[in-house]
Amino acid sequence: MTDPLADAKAELYGGDPDDFMARRQELTGRAREAGEAAAAKQIAALRKPTRPAWVVNRLVRTDPDVTARLAALAAALRDAAQSADGGRIRELGADRARLVDELTRQAFADLPAPTAAVREEVTATLDAALSDPEVAASLGTLVRAAHYAGFGLTDGAPTPPPPPAKTKKPAPVEPSAERERRHREKIMEAERAVAQADRAVQAANAAERQLEDAVRRLEAELAQARQQLAEARRQAYRAESQQRRAGETLSRLRG
């Protein structure tokens, strides 16, 4: 049995982002018609990728070895950081630079020459995938470029122990009823934040759909106007031809 959501992701994040909106609407409608209401809702919520994100998605979808190579080097970087092997870390740092540069060139090999900004975003995303597991897991369905904000080779590097804490007097034990009340308040606050985020998502999706409808309507009106313009030009040409022939006839009669 096919997975409508997985199939939609493969098509939308592997295809040209300029076609994303129209194809997403078609795939959403197709899922609804097939009785896959939950999948249709998830497909409708998929976000359009930026150009750099699409370039990376396309790279990993057309060459499955890319993900494996990044994962292997990321594991080696984590091991080296944990062992604090300086020589190995320097060696892997050079490997990291070479792999990111190679994959960046591969990503643009059959595409028009990118702007410097797009190339830098692609390079940054591939580099982030070597340090951030969340970025690595999102390869193929990225919505925007990623940047690693950590330090060193990986997040797995050992960190120095914290300074010894100053001796403090033990804090008074909070009554269980008060702790329960505070816990409930935090839950309610979190629930409100989730509800607010859900409303924001729904509003953004509704606005996006309205704008898509407006674009389609304007495109239809533009196509109709172009047809009318072409017909007006044909009529003007015919009228000018008739005018020219009538003038020639008049000149002959007068002559």
C-alpha atoms as a PDB file:
ATOM      1  CA  MET A   1       0.000   0.000   0.000  1.00  0.00           C
ATOM      2  CA  THR A   2       1.348   3.404  -0.939  1.00  0.00           C
ATOM      3  CA  ASP A   3       1.836   6.211   1.555  1.00  0.00           C
ATOM      4  CA  PRO A   4       0.209   9.389   0.137  1.00  0.00           C
ATOM      5  CA  LEU A   5       2.173  11.667   2.466  1.00  0.00           C
ATOM      6  CA  ALA A   6       5.539  10.058   1.689  1.00  0.00           C
ATOM      7  CA  ASP A   7       4.770  10.105  -2.037  1.00  0.00           C
ATOM      8  CA  ALA A   8       3.765  13.773  -1.826  1.00  0.00           C
ATOM      9  CA  LYS A   9       6.965  14.686   0.035  1.00  0.00           C
ATOM     10  CA  ALA A  10       9.076  12.860  -2.546  1.00  0.00           C
ATOM     11  CA  GLU A  11       7.406  14.736  -5.405  1.00  0.00           C
ATOM     12  CA  LEU A  12       7.141  18.166  -3.781  1.00  0.00           C
ATOM     13  CA  TYR A  13      10.611  18.329  -2.219  1.00  0.00           C
ATOM     14  CA  GLY A  14      12.273  16.707  -5.215  1.00  0.00           C
ATOM     15  CA  GLY A  15      10.521  18.872  -7.813  1.00  0.00           C
ATOM     16  CA  ASP A  16      11.083  22.485  -8.798  1.00  0.00           C
ATOM     17  CA  PRO A  17       9.922  24.815  -5.990  1.00  0.00           C
ATOM     18  CA  ASP A  18       8.252  27.059  -8.586  1.00  0.00           C
ATOM     19  CA  ASP A  19       5.709  24.257  -9.098  1.00  0.00           C
ATOM     20  CA  PHE A  20       5.340  23.499  -5.379  1.00  0.00           C
ATOM     21  CA  MET A  21       2.093  25.361  -4.647  1.00  0.00           C
ATOM     22  CA  ALA A  22       0.142  24.062  -7.623  1.00  0.00           C
ATOM     23  CA  ARG A  23       1.318  20.467  -7.150  1.00  0.00           C
ATOM     24  CA  ARG A  24       0.614  20.562  -3.402  1.00  0.00           C
ATOM     25  CA  GLN A  25      -2.970  21.600  -4.093  1.00  0.00           C
ATOM     26  CA  GLU A  26      -3.372  18.830  -6.667  1.00  0.00           C
ATOM     27  CA  LEU A  27      -1.919  16.192  -4.341  1.00  0.00           C
ATOM     28  CA  THR A  28      -4.082  17.405  -1.461  1.00  0.00           C
ATOM     29  CA  GLY A  29      -7.194  17.099  -3.607  1.00  0.00           C
ATOM     30  CA  ARG A  30      -6.128  13.669  -4.826  1.00  0.00           C
ATOM     31  CA  ALA A  31      -5.686  12.439  -1.237  1.00  0.00           C
ATOM     32  CA  ARG A  32      -9.129  13.779  -0.265  1.00  0.00           C
ATOM     33  CA  GLU A  33     -10.739  12.047  -3.236  1.00  0.00           C
ATOM     34  CA  ALA A  34      -9.048   8.806  -2.186  1.00  0.00           C
ATOM     35  CA  GLY A  35     -10.592   9.104   1.282  1.00  0.00           C
ATOM     36  CA  GLU A  36      -7.247   9.942   2.938  1.00  0.00           C
ATOM     37  CA  ALA A  37      -8.453  12.951   4.914  1.00  0.00           C
ATOM     38  CA  ALA A  38      -5.619  12.872   7.464  1.00  0.00           C
ATOM     39  CA  ALA A  39      -2.972  12.587   4.754  1.00  0.00           C
ATOM     40  CA  ALA A  40      -4.649  15.390   2.792  1.00  0.00           C
ATOM     41  CA  LYS A  41      -4.407  17.686   5.828  1.00  0.00           C
ATOM     42  CA  GLN A  42      -0.734  16.829   6.323  1.00  0.00           C
ATOM     43  CA  ILE A  43       0.038  17.377   2.639  1.00  0.00           C
ATOM     44  CA  ALA A  44      -1.713  20.769   2.696  1.00  0.00           C
ATOM     45  CA  ALA A  45       0.496  21.777   5.646  1.00  0.00           C
ATOM     46  CA  LEU A  46       3.794  21.001   3.841  1.00  0.00           C
ATOM     47  CA  ARG A  47       5.868  24.157   3.448  1.00  0.00           C
ATOM     48  CA  LYS A  48       7.498  25.352   0.254  1.00  0.00           C
ATOM     49  CA  PRO A  49      11.310  25.069   0.402  1.00  0.00           C
ATOM     50  CA  THR A  50      13.634  27.952  -0.318  1.00  0.00           C
ATOM     51  CA  ARG A  51      15.901  27.612  -3.340  1.00  0.00           C
ATOM     52  CA  PRO A  52      18.991  26.536  -1.271  1.00  0.00           C
ATOM     53  CA  ALA A  53      16.903  24.001   0.690  1.00  0.00           C
ATOM     54  CA  TRP A  54      15.524  22.592  -2.565  1.00  0.00           C
ATOM     55  CA  VAL A  55      19.032  22.220  -3.982  1.00  0.00           C
ATOM     56  CA  VAL A  56      20.074  20.124  -0.955  1.00  0.00           C
ATOM     57  CA  ASN A  57      16.828  18.098  -1.021  1.00  0.00           C
ATOM     58  CA  ARG A  58      17.340  17.377  -4.701  1.00  0.00           C
ATOM     59  CA  LEU A  59      20.952  16.321  -4.096  1.00  0.00           C
ATOM     60  CA  VAL A  60      20.132  13.721  -1.420  1.00  0.00           C
ATOM     61  CA  ARG A  61      17.106  12.415  -3.327  1.00  0.00           C
ATOM     62  CA  THR A  62      18.982  11.904  -6.585  1.00  0.00           C
ATOM     63  CA  ASP A  63      22.063  10.396  -4.909  1.00  0.00           C
ATOM     64  CA  PRO A  64      21.287   8.243  -1.823  1.00  0.00           C
ATOM     65  CA  ASP A  65      25.035   7.866  -1.134  1.00  0.00           C
ATOM     66  CA  VAL A  66      25.182  11.516  -0.047  1.00  0.00           C
ATOM     67  CA  THR A  67      23.263  10.845   3.175  1.00  0.00           C
ATOM     68  CA  ALA A  68      25.391   7.792   3.962  1.00  0.00           C
ATOM     69  CA  ARG A  69      28.651   9.690   3.403  1.00  0.00           C
ATOM     70  CA  LEU A  70      27.535  12.544   5.646  1.00  0.00           C
ATOM     71  CA  ALA A  71      26.404  10.119   8.356  1.00  0.00           C
ATOM     72  CA  ALA A  72      29.697   8.193   8.278  1.00  0.00           C
ATOM     73  CA  LEU A  73      31.804  11.333   8.602  1.00  0.00           C
ATOM     74  CA  ALA A  74      29.537  12.733  11.337  1.00  0.00           C
ATOM     75  CA  ALA A  75      30.035   9.537  13.360  1.00  0.00           C
ATOM     76  CA  ALA A  76      33.808   9.721  12.902  1.00  0.00           C
ATOM     77  CA  LEU A  77      33.788  13.369  14.018  1.00  0.00           C
ATOM     78  CA  ARG A  78      31.837  12.513  17.166  1.00  0.00           C
ATOM     79  CA  ASP A  79      34.220   9.673  18.033  1.00  0.00           C
ATOM     80  CA  ALA A  80      37.259  11.897  17.545  1.00  0.00           C
ATOM     81  CA  ALA A  81      35.767  14.639  19.692  1.00  0.00           C
ATOM     82  CA  GLN A  82      34.948  12.203  22.483  1.00  0.00           C
ATOM     83  CA  SER A  83      38.473  10.769  22.455  1.00  0.00           C
ATOM     84  CA  ALA A  84      40.043  14.252  22.256  1.00  0.00           C
ATOM     85  CA  ASP A  85      42.512  12.929  19.647  1.00  0.00           C
ATOM     86  CA  GLY A  86      44.028  16.140  18.275  1.00  0.00           C
ATOM     87  CA  GLY A  87      45.649  14.548  15.238  1.00  0.00           C
ATOM     88  CA  ARG A  88      42.490  12.686  14.295  1.00  0.00           C
ATOM     89  CA  ILE A  89      40.396  15.813  14.781  1.00  0.00           C
ATOM     90  CA  ARG A  90      42.642  17.808  12.405  1.00  0.00           C
ATOM     91  CA  GLU A  91      42.521  15.015   9.835  1.00  0.00           C
ATOM     92  CA  LEU A  92      38.739  14.776   9.973  1.00  0.00           C
ATOM     93  CA  GLY A  93      38.423  18.568   9.831  1.00  0.00           C
ATOM     94  CA  ALA A  94      40.183  18.488   6.459  1.00  0.00           C
ATOM     95  CA  ASP A  95      37.934  15.597   5.350  1.00  0.00           C
ATOM     96  CA  ARG A  96      34.920  17.629   6.386  1.00  0.00           C
ATOM     97  CA  ALA A  97      35.933  20.621   4.284  1.00  0.00           C
ATOM     98  CA  ARG A  98      36.648  18.403   1.261  1.00  0.00           C
ATOM     99  CA  LEU A  99      33.329  16.532   1.500  1.00  0.00           C
ATOM    100  CA  VAL A 100      31.237  19.681   1.899  1.00  0.00           C
ATOM    101  CA  ASP A 101      33.020  21.311  -1.042  1.00  0.00           C
ATOM    102  CA  GLU A 102      32.598  18.191  -3.198  1.00  0.00           C
ATOM    103  CA  LEU A 103      28.894  17.827  -2.402  1.00  0.00           C
ATOM    104  CA  THR A 104      28.288  21.525  -3.036  1.00  0.00           C
ATOM    105  CA  ARG A 105      29.820  21.200  -6.508  1.00  0.00           C
ATOM    106  CA  GLN A 106      27.774  18.053  -7.133  1.00  0.00           C
ATOM    107  CA  ALA A 107      24.559  19.806  -6.069  1.00  0.00           C
ATOM    108  CA  PHE A 108      24.985  22.492  -8.745  1.00  0.00           C
ATOM    109  CA  ALA A 109      26.593  20.301 -11.435  1.00  0.00           C
ATOM    110  CA  ASP A 110      23.507  20.232 -13.692  1.00  0.00           C
ATOM    111  CA  LEU A 111      21.865  23.468 -12.550  1.00  0.00           C
ATOM    112  CA  PRO A 112      22.289  27.060 -13.746  1.00  0.00           C
ATOM    113  CA  ALA A 113      25.132  28.906 -12.051  1.00  0.00           C
ATOM    114  CA  PRO A 114      23.866  29.941  -8.598  1.00  0.00           C
ATOM    115  CA  THR A 115      24.310  33.259  -6.860  1.00  0.00           C
ATOM    116  CA  ALA A 116      26.997  33.457  -4.202  1.00  0.00           C
ATOM    117  CA  ALA A 117      24.313  33.659  -1.507  1.00  0.00           C
ATOM    118  CA  VAL A 118      22.566  30.480  -2.658  1.00  0.00           C
ATOM    119  CA  ARG A 119      25.870  28.576  -2.868  1.00  0.00           C
ATOM    120  CA  GLU A 120      26.840  29.721   0.631  1.00  0.00           C
ATOM    121  CA  GLU A 121      23.470  28.587   2.021  1.00  0.00           C
ATOM    122  CA  VAL A 122      23.853  25.142   0.459  1.00  0.00           C
ATOM    123  CA  THR A 123      27.397  24.816   1.823  1.00  0.00           C
ATOM    124  CA  ALA A 124      26.260  25.904   5.299  1.00  0.00           C
ATOM    125  CA  THR A 125      23.410  23.377   5.281  1.00  0.00           C
ATOM    126  CA  LEU A 126      25.650  20.463   4.295  1.00  0.00           C
ATOM    127  CA  ASP A 127      28.142  21.497   6.966  1.00  0.00           C
ATOM    128  CA  ALA A 128      25.359  21.754   9.579  1.00  0.00           C
ATOM    129  CA  ALA A 129      24.203  18.220   8.722  1.00  0.00           C
ATOM    130  CA  LEU A 130      27.573  16.939   9.975  1.00  0.00           C
ATOM    131  CA  SER A 131      27.040  18.446  13.433  1.00  0.00           C
ATOM    132  CA  ASP A 132      23.298  18.700  13.983  1.00  0.00           C
ATOM    133  CA  PRO A 133      21.321  15.409  14.003  1.00  0.00           C
ATOM    134  CA  GLU A 134      18.063  17.287  13.420  1.00  0.00           C
ATOM    135  CA  VAL A 135      19.409  18.819  10.215  1.00  0.00           C
ATOM    136  CA  ALA A 136      20.732  15.433   9.098  1.00  0.00           C
ATOM    137  CA  ALA A 137      17.309  13.844   9.715  1.00  0.00           C
ATOM    138  CA  SER A 138      15.600  16.573   7.664  1.00  0.00           C
ATOM    139  CA  LEU A 139      17.716  16.105   4.540  1.00  0.00           C
ATOM    140  CA  GLY A 140      15.337  15.548   1.652  1.00  0.00           C
ATOM    141  CA  THR A 141      12.486  17.547   3.185  1.00  0.00           C
ATOM    142  CA  LEU A 142      14.279  20.744   4.237  1.00  0.00           C
ATOM    143  CA  VAL A 143      12.188  23.897   4.125  1.00  0.00           C
ATOM    144  CA  ARG A 144      15.022  26.364   4.615  1.00  0.00           C
ATOM    145  CA  ALA A 145      18.798  26.372   4.776  1.00  0.00           C
ATOM    146  CA  ALA A 146      20.420  25.400   8.081  1.00  0.00           C
ATOM    147  CA  HIS A 147      23.358  26.866   9.946  1.00  0.00           C
ATOM    148  CA  TYR A 148      25.247  25.146  12.733  1.00  0.00           C
ATOM    149  CA  ALA A 149      25.416  27.415  15.768  1.00  0.00           C
ATOM    150  CA  GLY A 150      27.609  25.227  17.955  1.00  0.00           C
ATOM    151  CA  PHE A 151      31.343  25.213  18.505  1.00  0.00           C
ATOM    152  CA  GLY A 152      34.053  22.770  17.547  1.00  0.00           C
ATOM    153  CA  LEU A 153      33.608  19.719  15.371  1.00  0.00           C
ATOM    154  CA  THR A 154      30.435  18.269  16.880  1.00  0.00           C
ATOM    155  CA  ASP A 155      28.085  18.623  19.791  1.00  0.00           C
ATOM    156  CA  GLY A 156      29.608  15.426  21.149  1.00  0.00           C
ATOM    157  CA  ALA A 157      32.859  17.148  22.234  1.00  0.00           C
ATOM    158  CA  PRO A 158      33.560  16.821  25.937  1.00  0.00           C
ATOM    159  CA  THR A 159      33.003  19.960  27.967  1.00  0.00           C
ATOM    160  CA  PRO A 160      34.986  21.043  31.010  1.00  0.00           C
ATOM    161  CA  PRO A 161      33.358  20.317  34.367  1.00  0.00           C
ATOM    162  CA  PRO A 162      31.539  23.244  35.972  1.00  0.00           C
ATOM    163  CA  PRO A 163      33.206  25.056  38.863  1.00  0.00           C
ATOM    164  CA  PRO A 164      32.315  23.754  42.292  1.00  0.00           C
ATOM    165  CA  ALA A 165      29.115  25.273  43.558  1.00  0.00           C
ATOM    166  CA  LYS A 166      29.125  27.416  46.614  1.00  0.00           C
ATOM    167  CA  THR A 167      27.602  25.873  49.686  1.00  0.00           C
ATOM    168  CA  LYS A 168      24.097  27.133  50.204  1.00  0.00           C
ATOM    169  CA  LYS A 169      21.567  26.669  52.860  1.00  0.00           C
ATOM    170  CA  PRO A 170      19.000  24.111  51.750  1.00  0.00           C
ATOM    171  CA  ALA A 171      15.949  25.750  50.206  1.00  0.00           C
ATOM    172  CA  PRO A 172      12.749  25.359  52.138  1.00  0.00           C
ATOM    173  CA  VAL A 173      10.704  22.411  50.959  1.00  0.00           C
ATOM    174  CA  GLU A 174       7.718  23.572  48.966  1.00  0.00           C
ATOM    175  CA  PRO A 175       4.416  22.038  50.091  1.00  0.00           C
ATOM    176  CA  SER A 176       3.114  19.358  47.729  1.00  0.00           C
ATOM    177  CA  ALA A 177      -0.145  21.259  47.134  1.00  0.00           C
ATOM    178  CA  GLU A 178       1.790  24.344  46.003  1.00  0.00           C
ATOM    179  CA  ARG A 179       4.009  22.270  43.750  1.00  0.00           C
ATOM    180  CA  GLU A 180       0.933  20.689  42.190  1.00  0.00           C
ATOM    181  CA  ARG A 181      -0.650  24.111  41.647  1.00  0.00           C
ATOM    182  CA  ARG A 182       2.471  25.447  39.961  1.00  0.00           C
ATOM    183  CA  HIS A 183       2.677  22.328  37.790  1.00  0.00           C
ATOM    184  CA  ARG A 184      -0.933  22.766  36.672  1.00  0.00           C
ATOM    185  CA  GLU A 185      -0.279  26.417  35.849  1.00  0.00           C
ATOM    186  CA  LYS A 186       2.709  25.466  33.701  1.00  0.00           C
ATOM    187  CA  ILE A 187       0.618  22.863  31.876  1.00  0.00           C
ATOM    188  CA  MET A 188      -2.137  25.401  31.237  1.00  0.00           C
ATOM    189  CA  GLU A 189       0.407  27.935  30.008  1.00  0.00           C
ATOM    190  CA  ALA A 190       1.915  25.365  27.650  1.00  0.00           C
ATOM    191  CA  GLU A 191      -1.540  24.391  26.388  1.00  0.00           C
ATOM    192  CA  ARG A 192      -2.332  28.057  25.691  1.00  0.00           C
ATOM    193  CA  ALA A 193       0.934  28.430  23.790  1.00  0.00           C
ATOM    194  CA  VAL A 194       0.149  25.338  21.704  1.00  0.00           C
ATOM    195  CA  ALA A 195      -3.363  26.575  20.973  1.00  0.00           C
ATOM    196  CA  GLN A 196      -2.037  29.986  19.981  1.00  0.00           C
ATOM    197  CA  ALA A 197       0.549  28.373  17.686  1.00  0.00           C
ATOM    198  CA  ASP A 198      -2.158  26.182  16.122  1.00  0.00           C
ATOM    199  CA  ARG A 199      -4.295  29.253  15.437  1.00  0.00           C
ATOM    200  CA  ALA A 200      -1.335  31.025  13.893  1.00  0.00           C
ATOM    201  CA  VAL A 201      -0.642  28.051  11.629  1.00  0.00           C
ATOM    202  CA  GLN A 202      -4.277  27.820  10.575  1.00  0.00           C
ATOM    203  CA  ALA A 203      -4.411  31.554   9.858  1.00  0.00           C
ATOM    204  CA  ALA A 204      -1.187  31.425   7.846  1.00  0.00           C
ATOM    205  CA  ASN A 205      -2.412  28.437   5.842  1.00  0.00           C
ATOM    206  CA  ALA A 206      -5.754  30.139   5.181  1.00  0.00           C
ATOM    207  CA  ALA A 207      -3.998  33.311   4.031  1.00  0.00           C
ATOM    208  CA  GLU A 208      -1.742  31.271   1.787  1.00  0.00           C
ATOM    209  CA  ARG A 209      -4.712  29.476   0.214  1.00  0.00           C
ATOM    210  CA  GLN A 210      -6.493  32.788  -0.357  1.00  0.00           C
ATOM    211  CA  LEU A 211      -3.429  34.223  -2.060  1.00  0.00           C
ATOM    212  CA  GLU A 212      -3.076  31.106  -4.196  1.00  0.00           C
ATOM    213  CA  ASP A 213      -6.723  31.492  -5.267  1.00  0.00           C
ATOM    214  CA  ALA A 214      -6.115  35.162  -6.046  1.00  0.00           C
ATOM    215  CA  VAL A 215      -3.035  34.306  -8.120  1.00  0.00           C
ATOM    216  CA  ARG A 216      -4.930  31.682 -10.103  1.00  0.00           C
ATOM    217  CA  ARG A 217      -7.802  34.125 -10.687  1.00  0.00           C
ATOM    218  CA  LEU A 218      -5.439  36.857 -11.841  1.00  0.00           C
ATOM    219  CA  GLU A 219      -3.585  34.428 -14.089  1.00  0.00           C
ATOM    220  CA  ALA A 220      -6.900  33.405 -15.678  1.00  0.00           C
ATOM    221  CA  GLU A 221      -7.856  37.054 -16.158  1.00  0.00           C
ATOM    222  CA  LEU A 222      -4.426  37.773 -17.652  1.00  0.00           C
ATOM    223  CA  ALA A 223      -4.785  34.877 -20.087  1.00  0.00           C
ATOM    224  CA  GLN A 224      -8.225  36.140 -21.132  1.00  0.00           C
ATOM    225  CA  ALA A 225      -6.910  39.690 -21.533  1.00  0.00           C
ATOM    226  CA  ARG A 226      -4.085  38.403 -23.722  1.00  0.00           C
ATOM    227  CA  GLN A 227      -6.592  36.599 -25.931  1.00  0.00           C
ATOM    228  CA  GLN A 228      -8.679  39.760 -26.204  1.00  0.00           C
ATOM    229  CA  LEU A 229      -5.561  41.773 -27.036  1.00  0.00           C
ATOM    230  CA  ALA A 230      -4.598  39.304 -29.755  1.00  0.00           C
ATOM    231  CA  GLU A 231      -8.113  39.500 -31.230  1.00  0.00           C
ATOM    232  CA  ALA A 232      -8.045  43.323 -31.091  1.00  0.00           C
ATOM    233  CA  ARG A 233      -4.724  43.332 -32.923  1.00  0.00           C
ATOM    234  CA  ARG A 234      -6.135  41.052 -35.623  1.00  0.00           C
ATOM    235  CA  GLN A 235      -9.153  43.319 -36.049  1.00  0.00           C
ATOM    236  CA  ALA A 236      -6.916  46.397 -36.216  1.00  0.00           C
ATOM    237  CA  TYR A 237      -4.776  44.708 -38.851  1.00  0.00           C
ATOM    238  CA  ARG A 238      -7.845  43.822 -40.910  1.00  0.00           C
ATOM    239  CA  ALA A 239      -9.205  47.366 -40.561  1.00  0.00           C
ATOM    240  CA  GLU A 240      -5.880  48.863 -41.650  1.00  0.00           C
ATOM    241  CA  SER A 241      -5.779  46.506 -44.630  1.00  0.00           C
ATOM    242  CA  GLN A 242      -9.300  47.526 -45.623  1.00  0.00           C
ATOM    243  CA  GLN A 243      -8.365  51.187 -45.173  1.00  0.00           C
ATOM    244  CA  ARG A 244      -5.311  50.769 -47.394  1.00  0.00           C
ATOM    245  CA  ARG A 245      -7.244  48.968 -50.131  1.00  0.00           C
ATOM    246  CA  ALA A 246     -10.037  51.557 -50.036  1.00  0.00           C
ATOM    247  CA  GLY A 247      -7.468  54.355 -50.356  1.00  0.00           C
ATOM    248  CA  GLU A 248      -5.839  52.639 -53.289  1.00  0.00           C
ATOM    249  CA  THR A 249      -9.225  52.207 -54.998  1.00  0.00           C
ATOM    250  CA  LEU A 250     -10.060  55.855 -54.422  1.00  0.00           C
ATOM    251  CA  SER A 251      -6.720  56.940 -55.880  1.00  0.00           C
ATOM    252  CA  ARG A 252      -7.286  54.859 -58.996  1.00  0.00           C
ATOM    253  CA  LEU A 253     -10.781  56.287 -59.499  1.00  0.00           C
ATOM    254  CA  ARG A 254      -9.578  59.843 -59.145  1.00  0.00           C
ATOM    255  CA  GLY A 255      -6.733  59.206 -61.519  1.00  0.00           C
END
